[in-house]
C-alpha atoms as a PDB file:
ATOM      1  CA  MET A   1       1.190  18.227 -19.849  1.00  0.00           C
ATOM      2  CA  GLN A   2      -1.577  15.263 -19.696  1.00  0.00           C
ATOM      3  CA  ARG A   3      -2.002  13.798 -16.673  1.00  0.00           C
ATOM      4  CA  PRO A   4      -0.382  10.163 -16.253  1.00  0.00           C
ATOM      5  CA  LYS A   5      -3.109   7.254 -15.939  1.00  0.00           C
ATOM      6  CA  ILE A   6      -2.834   5.803 -11.884  1.00  0.00           C
ATOM      7  CA  SER A   7      -3.988   2.240 -12.100  1.00  0.00           C
ATOM      8  CA  ILE A   8      -5.676   1.746  -8.351  1.00  0.00           C
ATOM      9  CA  ILE A   9      -5.697  -2.064  -8.178  1.00  0.00           C
ATOM     10  CA  THR A  10      -7.758  -3.757  -5.317  1.00  0.00           C
ATOM     11  CA  VAL A  11      -6.983  -6.661  -3.441  1.00  0.00           C
ATOM     12  CA  VAL A  12      -9.704  -8.948  -1.991  1.00  0.00           C
ATOM     13  CA  PHE A  13     -10.448 -12.367  -0.557  1.00  0.00           C
ATOM     14  CA  ASN A  14     -13.692 -13.042   1.425  1.00  0.00           C
ATOM     15  CA  ASP A  15     -14.274  -9.769   2.654  1.00  0.00           C
ATOM     16  CA  ALA A  16     -17.333  -8.792   0.620  1.00  0.00           C
ATOM     17  CA  GLU A  17     -18.080  -6.594   4.537  1.00  0.00           C
ATOM     18  CA  ASN A  18     -15.373  -4.429   4.075  1.00  0.00           C
ATOM     19  CA  LEU A  19     -14.706  -4.451  -0.351  1.00  0.00           C
ATOM     20  CA  GLU A  20     -17.985  -2.216  -0.561  1.00  0.00           C
ATOM     21  CA  SER A  21     -16.706   0.332   1.225  1.00  0.00           C
ATOM     22  CA  THR A  22     -13.061   0.783  -0.695  1.00  0.00           C
ATOM     23  CA  ILE A  23     -15.494   0.422  -4.306  1.00  0.00           C
ATOM     24  CA  SER A  24     -17.647   3.441  -3.328  1.00  0.00           C
ATOM     25  CA  THR A  25     -14.261   5.655  -2.136  1.00  0.00           C
ATOM     26  CA  ILE A  26     -12.809   4.665  -5.348  1.00  0.00           C
ATOM     27  CA  GLN A  27     -16.297   6.105  -7.123  1.00  0.00           C
ATOM     28  CA  GLN A  28     -15.732   9.513  -5.986  1.00  0.00           C
ATOM     29  CA  LEU A  29     -12.167  10.320  -7.054  1.00  0.00           C
ATOM     30  CA  THR A  30     -12.242  13.037  -9.450  1.00  0.00           C
ATOM     31  CA  TYR A  31      -8.999  12.625 -11.005  1.00  0.00           C
ATOM     32  CA  SER A  32      -9.632  12.676 -14.561  1.00  0.00           C
ATOM     33  CA  ASN A  33      -7.099   9.654 -16.185  1.00  0.00           C
ATOM     34  CA  LEU A  34      -8.272   6.749 -13.368  1.00  0.00           C
ATOM     35  CA  GLU A  35      -7.838   2.962 -14.267  1.00  0.00           C
ATOM     36  CA  TYR A  36      -9.443   0.343 -11.613  1.00  0.00           C
ATOM     37  CA  VAL A  37      -8.434  -3.075 -11.351  1.00  0.00           C
ATOM     38  CA  ILE A  38     -10.086  -5.728  -8.804  1.00  0.00           C
ATOM     39  CA  VAL A  39      -8.426  -8.796  -8.387  1.00  0.00           C
ATOM     40  CA  ASP A  40     -10.137 -11.370  -6.181  1.00  0.00           C
ATOM     41  CA  GLY A  41      -8.557 -14.695  -4.813  1.00  0.00           C
ATOM     42  CA  GLY A  42     -11.720 -17.084  -5.567  1.00  0.00           C
ATOM     43  CA  SER A  43     -14.094 -16.027  -2.918  1.00  0.00           C
ATOM     44  CA  THR A  44     -17.010 -17.450  -1.360  1.00  0.00           C
ATOM     45  CA  ASP A  45     -18.512 -14.842   1.192  1.00  0.00           C
ATOM     46  CA  GLY A  46     -20.605 -12.857  -1.550  1.00  0.00           C
ATOM     47  CA  THR A  47     -17.244 -10.802  -2.602  1.00  0.00           C
ATOM     48  CA  LEU A  48     -18.557 -11.475  -5.991  1.00  0.00           C
ATOM     49  CA  ASP A  49     -22.180  -9.941  -5.518  1.00  0.00           C
ATOM     50  CA  VAL A  50     -20.342  -6.476  -4.504  1.00  0.00           C
ATOM     51  CA  ILE A  51     -18.048  -6.699  -7.460  1.00  0.00           C
ATOM     52  CA  ARG A  52     -20.841  -7.190  -9.259  1.00  0.00           C
ATOM     53  CA  GLN A  53     -23.187  -5.182  -7.672  1.00  0.00           C
ATOM     54  CA  TYR A  54     -20.429  -2.350  -8.711  1.00  0.00           C
ATOM     55  CA  GLU A  55     -19.642  -3.669 -12.333  1.00  0.00           C
ATOM     56  CA  THR A  56     -18.999  -0.232 -13.905  1.00  0.00           C
ATOM     57  CA  VAL A  57     -16.892   1.154 -11.016  1.00  0.00           C
ATOM     58  CA  PRO A  58     -13.609  -1.278 -12.062  1.00  0.00           C
ATOM     59  CA  ASP A  59     -12.187  -1.401 -15.626  1.00  0.00           C
ATOM     60  CA  ARG A  60     -11.602  -5.358 -15.546  1.00  0.00           C
ATOM     61  CA  TRP A  61     -11.691  -7.697 -12.243  1.00  0.00           C
ATOM     62  CA  ILE A  62     -10.957 -11.174 -12.433  1.00  0.00           C
ATOM     63  CA  SER A  63     -11.930 -13.852  -9.780  1.00  0.00           C
ATOM     64  CA  GLU A  64      -9.871 -16.955  -9.301  1.00  0.00           C
ATOM     65  CA  PRO A  65      -7.242 -18.721  -6.780  1.00  0.00           C
ATOM     66  CA  ASP A  66      -3.709 -16.925  -6.636  1.00  0.00           C
ATOM     67  CA  LYS A  67      -1.166 -17.973  -4.694  1.00  0.00           C
ATOM     68  CA  GLY A  68      -2.054 -15.884  -1.465  1.00  0.00           C
ATOM     69  CA  LEU A  69      -1.865 -11.977  -1.246  1.00  0.00           C
ATOM     70  CA  TYR A  70       1.319 -10.656  -3.426  1.00  0.00           C
ATOM     71  CA  ASP A  71       0.380 -12.786  -5.844  1.00  0.00           C
ATOM     72  CA  ALA A  72      -3.046 -11.499  -5.642  1.00  0.00           C
ATOM     73  CA  MET A  73      -1.260  -7.690  -6.352  1.00  0.00           C
ATOM     74  CA  ASN A  74       1.969  -9.332  -9.575  1.00  0.00           C
ATOM     75  CA  LYS A  75      -1.762 -10.363 -11.424  1.00  0.00           C
ATOM     76  CA  GLY A  76      -3.179  -6.966 -10.713  1.00  0.00           C
ATOM     77  CA  MET A  77      -0.120  -5.277 -11.679  1.00  0.00           C
ATOM     78  CA  GLU A  78      -0.067  -7.138 -15.185  1.00  0.00           C
ATOM     79  CA  LEU A  79      -3.899  -6.397 -15.446  1.00  0.00           C
ATOM     80  CA  ALA A  80      -2.946  -2.627 -15.016  1.00  0.00           C
ATOM     81  CA  THR A  81      -2.282  -0.543 -18.376  1.00  0.00           C
ATOM     82  CA  GLY A  82      -1.462   2.770 -16.007  1.00  0.00           C
ATOM     83  CA  ASP A  83       1.702   4.261 -15.561  1.00  0.00           C
ATOM     84  CA  TYR A  84       1.209   4.370 -12.474  1.00  0.00           C
ATOM     85  CA  PHE A  85       0.175   1.516  -9.107  1.00  0.00           C
ATOM     86  CA  TRP A  86      -1.939   2.736  -6.068  1.00  0.00           C
ATOM     87  CA  PHE A  87      -2.550  -0.941  -4.126  1.00  0.00           C
ATOM     88  CA  VAL A  88      -5.758   0.466  -1.918  1.00  0.00           C
ATOM     89  CA  ASN A  89      -6.639  -3.020  -0.913  1.00  0.00           C
ATOM     90  CA  ALA A  90     -10.469  -3.896   0.796  1.00  0.00           C
ATOM     91  CA  GLY A  91     -11.128  -2.302   3.190  1.00  0.00           C
ATOM     92  CA  ASP A  92      -8.546   0.755   2.645  1.00  0.00           C
ATOM     93  CA  GLU A  93      -9.570   3.979   1.465  1.00  0.00           C
ATOM     94  CA  PRO A  94      -8.533   6.775  -0.599  1.00  0.00           C
ATOM     95  CA  ALA A  95      -8.322   9.702   1.851  1.00  0.00           C
ATOM     96  CA  SER A  96     -10.568  12.361   0.040  1.00  0.00           C
ATOM     97  CA  PRO A  97     -12.113  12.634  -3.554  1.00  0.00           C
ATOM     98  CA  ASP A  98     -10.222  15.104  -4.900  1.00  0.00           C
ATOM     99  CA  VAL A  99      -6.247  13.590  -3.027  1.00  0.00           C
ATOM    100  CA  LEU A 100      -4.828  12.789  -6.453  1.00  0.00           C
ATOM    101  CA  ASP A 101      -6.038  16.471  -7.911  1.00  0.00           C
ATOM    102  CA  ASN A 102      -3.173  18.388  -7.532  1.00  0.00           C
ATOM    103  CA  LEU A 103      -0.255  15.210  -7.288  1.00  0.00           C
ATOM    104  CA  PHE A 104       0.614  15.648 -10.720  1.00  0.00           C
ATOM    105  CA  GLU A 105       1.233  19.017 -11.611  1.00  0.00           C
ATOM    106  CA  LYS A 106       4.915  19.918 -12.134  1.00  0.00           C
ATOM    107  CA  ASP A 107       7.073  19.368 -15.749  1.00  0.00           C
ATOM    108  CA  LEU A 108       8.981  16.695 -14.280  1.00  0.00           C
ATOM    109  CA  LEU A 109       6.977  13.808 -12.697  1.00  0.00           C
ATOM    110  CA  ALA A 110       8.857  11.480  -9.689  1.00  0.00           C
ATOM    111  CA  ASP A 111       9.181   7.880 -10.398  1.00  0.00           C
ATOM    112  CA  VAL A 112       7.664   7.756  -6.290  1.00  0.00           C
ATOM    113  CA  TYR A 113       4.903   9.836  -4.874  1.00  0.00           C
ATOM    114  CA  TYR A 114       4.351   9.597  -0.940  1.00  0.00           C
ATOM    115  CA  GLY A 115       2.200  10.738   2.109  1.00  0.00           C
ATOM    116  CA  GLU A 116       0.804   9.996   5.455  1.00  0.00           C
ATOM    117  CA  THR A 117      -1.718   7.774   6.717  1.00  0.00           C
ATOM    118  CA  LEU A 118      -4.869   8.153   8.797  1.00  0.00           C
ATOM    119  CA  MET A 119      -5.290   4.695  10.160  1.00  0.00           C
ATOM    120  CA  ILE A 120      -8.939   3.463  10.845  1.00  0.00           C
ATOM    121  CA  HIS A 121     -10.449   0.787  13.599  1.00  0.00           C
ATOM    122  CA  PRO A 122     -11.973  -1.591  11.631  1.00  0.00           C
ATOM    123  CA  ASP A 123     -15.653  -0.153  12.358  1.00  0.00           C
ATOM    124  CA  GLY A 124     -14.276   2.837  10.794  1.00  0.00           C
ATOM    125  CA  ARG A 125     -13.735   5.501  13.846  1.00  0.00           C
ATOM    126  CA  GLU A 126     -10.398   6.988  12.880  1.00  0.00           C
ATOM    127  CA  ILE A 127      -7.801   6.498  15.260  1.00  0.00           C
ATOM    128  CA  GLY A 128      -5.079   8.214  14.505  1.00  0.00           C
ATOM    129  CA  LEU A 129      -1.938   8.741  11.774  1.00  0.00           C
ATOM    130  CA  ARG A 130       0.158   6.029  11.798  1.00  0.00           C
ATOM    131  CA  ARG A 131       3.136   5.267  14.276  1.00  0.00           C
ATOM    132  CA  LEU A 132       5.895   5.893  11.678  1.00  0.00           C
ATOM    133  CA  SER A 133       5.975   9.019  10.244  1.00  0.00           C
ATOM    134  CA  PRO A 134       7.487   9.383   6.477  1.00  0.00           C
ATOM    135  CA  PRO A 135      10.638  11.997   6.481  1.00  0.00           C
ATOM    136  CA  GLU A 136      10.339  15.226   4.263  1.00  0.00           C
ATOM    137  CA  LYS A 137      12.968  13.554   1.589  1.00  0.00           C
ATOM    138  CA  LEU A 138      12.675   9.898   1.539  1.00  0.00           C
ATOM    139  CA  ASN A 139      15.374   7.648  -0.307  1.00  0.00           C
ATOM    140  CA  TRP A 140      15.439   3.794  -0.348  1.00  0.00           C
ATOM    141  CA  ARG A 141      18.556   3.854   3.217  1.00  0.00           C
ATOM    142  CA  HIS A 142      15.273   5.372   5.319  1.00  0.00           C
ATOM    143  CA  PHE A 143      13.592   2.044   5.604  1.00  0.00           C
ATOM    144  CA  ARG A 144      16.921   0.957   7.724  1.00  0.00           C
ATOM    145  CA  HIS A 145      14.307   2.467  10.346  1.00  0.00           C
ATOM    146  CA  GLY A 146      11.153   0.220   9.310  1.00  0.00           C
ATOM    147  CA  MET A 147       8.844   1.164   6.235  1.00  0.00           C
ATOM    148  CA  LEU A 148       8.272   4.845   7.042  1.00  0.00           C
ATOM    149  CA  VAL A 149       5.968   4.991   4.638  1.00  0.00           C
ATOM    150  CA  SER A 150       2.825   2.079   4.035  1.00  0.00           C
ATOM    151  CA  HIS A 151       1.998   0.770   0.950  1.00  0.00           C
ATOM    152  CA  GLN A 152      -1.417   2.264   0.707  1.00  0.00           C
ATOM    153  CA  ALA A 153       0.449   5.673   0.865  1.00  0.00           C
ATOM    154  CA  PHE A 154       3.125   4.879  -1.825  1.00  0.00           C
ATOM    155  CA  ILE A 155       2.373   5.595  -5.244  1.00  0.00           C
ATOM    156  CA  ALA A 156       4.926   3.990  -7.405  1.00  0.00           C
ATOM    157  CA  SER A 157       5.815   4.630 -11.645  1.00  0.00           C
ATOM    158  CA  ARG A 158       6.150   1.584 -14.041  1.00  0.00           C
ATOM    159  CA  LYS A 159       9.914   2.081 -14.527  1.00  0.00           C
ATOM    160  CA  VAL A 160      10.604   1.327 -10.703  1.00  0.00           C
ATOM    161  CA  ALA A 161       7.665  -1.089  -9.361  1.00  0.00           C
ATOM    162  CA  GLY A 162       8.897  -4.985  -9.933  1.00  0.00           C
ATOM    163  CA  LYS A 163       7.307  -7.585  -8.963  1.00  0.00           C
ATOM    164  CA  TYR A 164       6.733  -8.733  -5.393  1.00  0.00           C
ATOM    165  CA  ASP A 165       8.617 -11.231  -3.824  1.00  0.00           C
ATOM    166  CA  LEU A 166       6.963 -14.486  -3.475  1.00  0.00           C
ATOM    167  CA  ARG A 167       9.244 -15.902  -0.653  1.00  0.00           C
ATOM    168  CA  TYR A 168       7.860 -12.779   1.498  1.00  0.00           C
ATOM    169  CA  LYS A 169       4.451 -14.358   2.733  1.00  0.00           C
ATOM    170  CA  PHE A 170       4.053 -11.183   5.332  1.00  0.00           C
ATOM    171  CA  SER A 171       6.264  -8.361   4.396  1.00  0.00           C
ATOM    172  CA  ALA A 172       7.473  -8.341   0.432  1.00  0.00           C
ATOM    173  CA  ASP A 173       5.613  -5.316   0.552  1.00  0.00           C
ATOM    174  CA  PHE A 174       8.014  -3.579   2.319  1.00  0.00           C
ATOM    175  CA  ASP A 175      10.529  -5.752  -0.483  1.00  0.00           C
ATOM    176  CA  TRP A 176       8.349  -4.257  -3.160  1.00  0.00           C
ATOM    177  CA  CYS A 177       8.660  -0.179  -1.759  1.00  0.00           C
ATOM    178  CA  LEU A 178      12.215  -0.623  -0.699  1.00  0.00           C
ATOM    179  CA  GLN A 179      13.295  -1.642  -4.199  1.00  0.00           C
ATOM    180  CA  ALA A 180      11.146   0.888  -5.859  1.00  0.00           C
ATOM    181  CA  LEU A 181      13.324   3.712  -3.849  1.00  0.00           C
ATOM    182  CA  TYR A 182      16.044   2.179  -4.995  1.00  0.00           C
ATOM    183  CA  GLY A 183      15.729   2.446  -8.651  1.00  0.00           C
ATOM    184  CA  ALA A 184      13.760   5.595  -7.848  1.00  0.00           C
ATOM    185  CA  SER A 185      15.669   9.051  -9.493  1.00  0.00           C
ATOM    186  CA  GLU A 186      13.211  11.147  -8.195  1.00  0.00           C
ATOM    187  CA  ILE A 187      10.568  10.412  -5.324  1.00  0.00           C
ATOM    188  CA  ARG A 188       8.644  13.602  -4.379  1.00  0.00           C
ATOM    189  CA  ASN A 189       6.279  14.344  -0.618  1.00  0.00           C
ATOM    190  CA  THR A 190       2.658  14.952  -1.348  1.00  0.00           C
ATOM    191  CA  HIS A 191       2.655  16.095   1.729  1.00  0.00           C
ATOM    192  CA  LYS A 192      -0.688  14.631   1.985  1.00  0.00           C
ATOM    193  CA  VAL A 193      -2.389  12.209   4.235  1.00  0.00           C
ATOM    194  CA  LEU A 194      -3.512   9.899   0.878  1.00  0.00           C
ATOM    195  CA  CYS A 195      -5.438   6.847   1.999  1.00  0.00           C
ATOM    196  CA  ARG A 196      -7.093   5.820   4.844  1.00  0.00           C
ATOM    197  CA  PHE A 197      -6.171   2.161   6.412  1.00  0.00           C
ATOM    198  CA  ARG A 198      -8.320  -0.145   8.260  1.00  0.00           C
ATOM    199  CA  GLU A 199      -6.541  -2.331  11.202  1.00  0.00           C
ATOM    200  CA  GLY A 200      -6.444  -6.065  11.408  1.00  0.00           C
ATOM    201  CA  GLY A 201      -5.442  -6.871   8.155  1.00  0.00           C
ATOM    202  CA  LEU A 202      -2.663  -9.694   7.162  1.00  0.00           C
ATOM    203  CA  THR A 203      -0.216  -8.237   8.310  1.00  0.00           C
ATOM    204  CA  ARG A 204      -1.750  -7.064  11.681  1.00  0.00           C
ATOM    205  CA  GLN A 205      -2.950 -10.885  12.416  1.00  0.00           C
ATOM    206  CA  ASN A 206       0.945 -12.605  11.275  1.00  0.00           C
ATOM    207  CA  ILE A 207       2.767  -9.833  13.210  1.00  0.00           C
ATOM    208  CA  VAL A 208       5.661 -11.634  14.369  1.00  0.00           C
ATOM    209  CA  PRO A 209       6.251 -13.953  10.953  1.00  0.00           C
ATOM    210  CA  GLY A 210       6.160 -10.122   9.268  1.00  0.00           C
ATOM    211  CA  LEU A 211       8.661  -8.720  11.948  1.00  0.00           C
ATOM    212  CA  LYS A 212      11.039 -11.431  11.395  1.00  0.00           C
ATOM    213  CA  GLU A 213      10.518 -11.384   7.279  1.00  0.00           C
ATOM    214  CA  ARG A 214      11.145  -7.921   7.654  1.00  0.00           C
ATOM    215  CA  PHE A 215      14.855  -8.160   9.301  1.00  0.00           C
ATOM    216  CA  ARG A 216      15.576 -10.664   7.194  1.00  0.00           C
ATOM    217  CA  ILE A 217      14.620  -8.039   4.126  1.00  0.00           C
ATOM    218  CA  MET A 218      17.101  -5.690   5.880  1.00  0.00           C
ATOM    219  CA  VAL A 219      19.753  -7.455   6.729  1.00  0.00           C
ATOM    220  CA  ARG A 220      20.312  -8.461   2.713  1.00  0.00           C
ATOM    221  CA  ASN A 221      19.662  -5.170   1.512  1.00  0.00           C
ATOM    222  CA  TYR A 222      21.594  -2.835   4.302  1.00  0.00           C
ATOM    223  CA  GLY A 223      24.247  -5.803   6.324  1.00  0.00           C
ATOM    224  CA  LEU A 224      23.606  -7.596   9.109  1.00  0.00           C
ATOM    225  CA  VAL A 225      25.402  -5.241  11.780  1.00  0.00           C
ATOM    226  CA  SER A 226      23.691  -2.006  10.285  1.00  0.00           C
ATOM    227  CA  THR A 227      20.222  -3.721  10.770  1.00  0.00           C
ATOM    228  CA  ILE A 228      20.726  -5.350  14.349  1.00  0.00           C
ATOM    229  CA  LEU A 229      22.066  -1.764  15.592  1.00  0.00           C
ATOM    230  CA  SER A 230      18.911  -0.016  13.749  1.00  0.00           C
ATOM    231  CA  HIS A 231      17.088  -2.196  15.932  1.00  0.00           C
ATOM    232  CA  PHE A 232      18.380  -1.275  19.163  1.00  0.00           C
ATOM    233  CA  VAL A 233      16.257   2.178  18.159  1.00  0.00           C
ATOM    234  CA  ILE A 234      13.327   0.475  16.189  1.00  0.00           C
ATOM    235  CA  ALA A 235      12.374  -2.192  18.734  1.00  0.00           C
ATOM    236  CA  PRO A 236      12.228   0.005  21.873  1.00  0.00           C
ATOM    237  CA  ARG A 237      10.279   2.469  20.033  1.00  0.00           C
ATOM    238  CA  PHE A 238       7.560   0.154  18.952  1.00  0.00           C
ATOM    239  CA  PHE A 239       6.734  -1.440  22.322  1.00  0.00           C
ATOM    240  CA  TRP A 240       6.831   2.275  23.984  1.00  0.00           C
ATOM    241  CA  PHE A 241       4.052   2.867  21.232  1.00  0.00           C
ATOM    242  CA  TRP A 242       2.687  -0.386  21.959  1.00  0.00           C
ATOM    243  CA  VAL A 243       2.309   0.315  25.838  1.00  0.00           C
ATOM    244  CA  VAL A 244       0.852   4.048  24.957  1.00  0.00           C
ATOM    245  CA  ASN A 245      -1.242   3.650  22.394  1.00  0.00           C
ATOM    246  CA  LYS A 246      -2.368   0.022  22.310  1.00  0.00           C
ATOM    247  CA  ARG A 247      -1.620  -0.223  18.668  1.00  0.00           C
ATOM    248  CA  PHE A 248       1.248  -0.778  16.793  1.00  0.00           C
END
């Protein structure tokens, strides 16, 4: 079976410091059918110098102003030609060079592949696995309990990957993953740590407006009563984890 093409997309804006680690780890991937796309939002801090330093690594890249993170992600999908999309943004990293190698060995390809996320400190130190753990068998209904799989550990086929909804400034990734799961016929747990996620990004910096957006998305998909009831469980767990671990 020919391996499907995986389009890895990195979105970046004024983050030269972290972009290099992302590009260098993607360069080390051993999967044989990869495409790499970088979408820069018109950086002025040296980010373009880093891209040019590694100019043989991305298959294509652009640098132009955009309407925000999720507009840039939409641009990345428009540029990509792969069968699957995997977003590994500046500062984040694939978990290991061979992380993709055994994902597609079954005859029946899945619409979504998902796994675990290892959190890392801005200085590169490993913190531990993400607060929320993915279920053994994931479907769209599970997201009523929160985003159980991080965006960086979620690989979606072109068939189920729509555009990011630009009405949401901080949680369009939650909506995008949810819609992909809703449209998926086959969803496969990789039982792997797929990515290393660097804390301190846009979502962390805007935690309250992000949670408000997520609430609206959940109401739209699950109804108001179900969403309120779910938050009687979600909210205490969220704050208890913060008290114990001093992180989200």
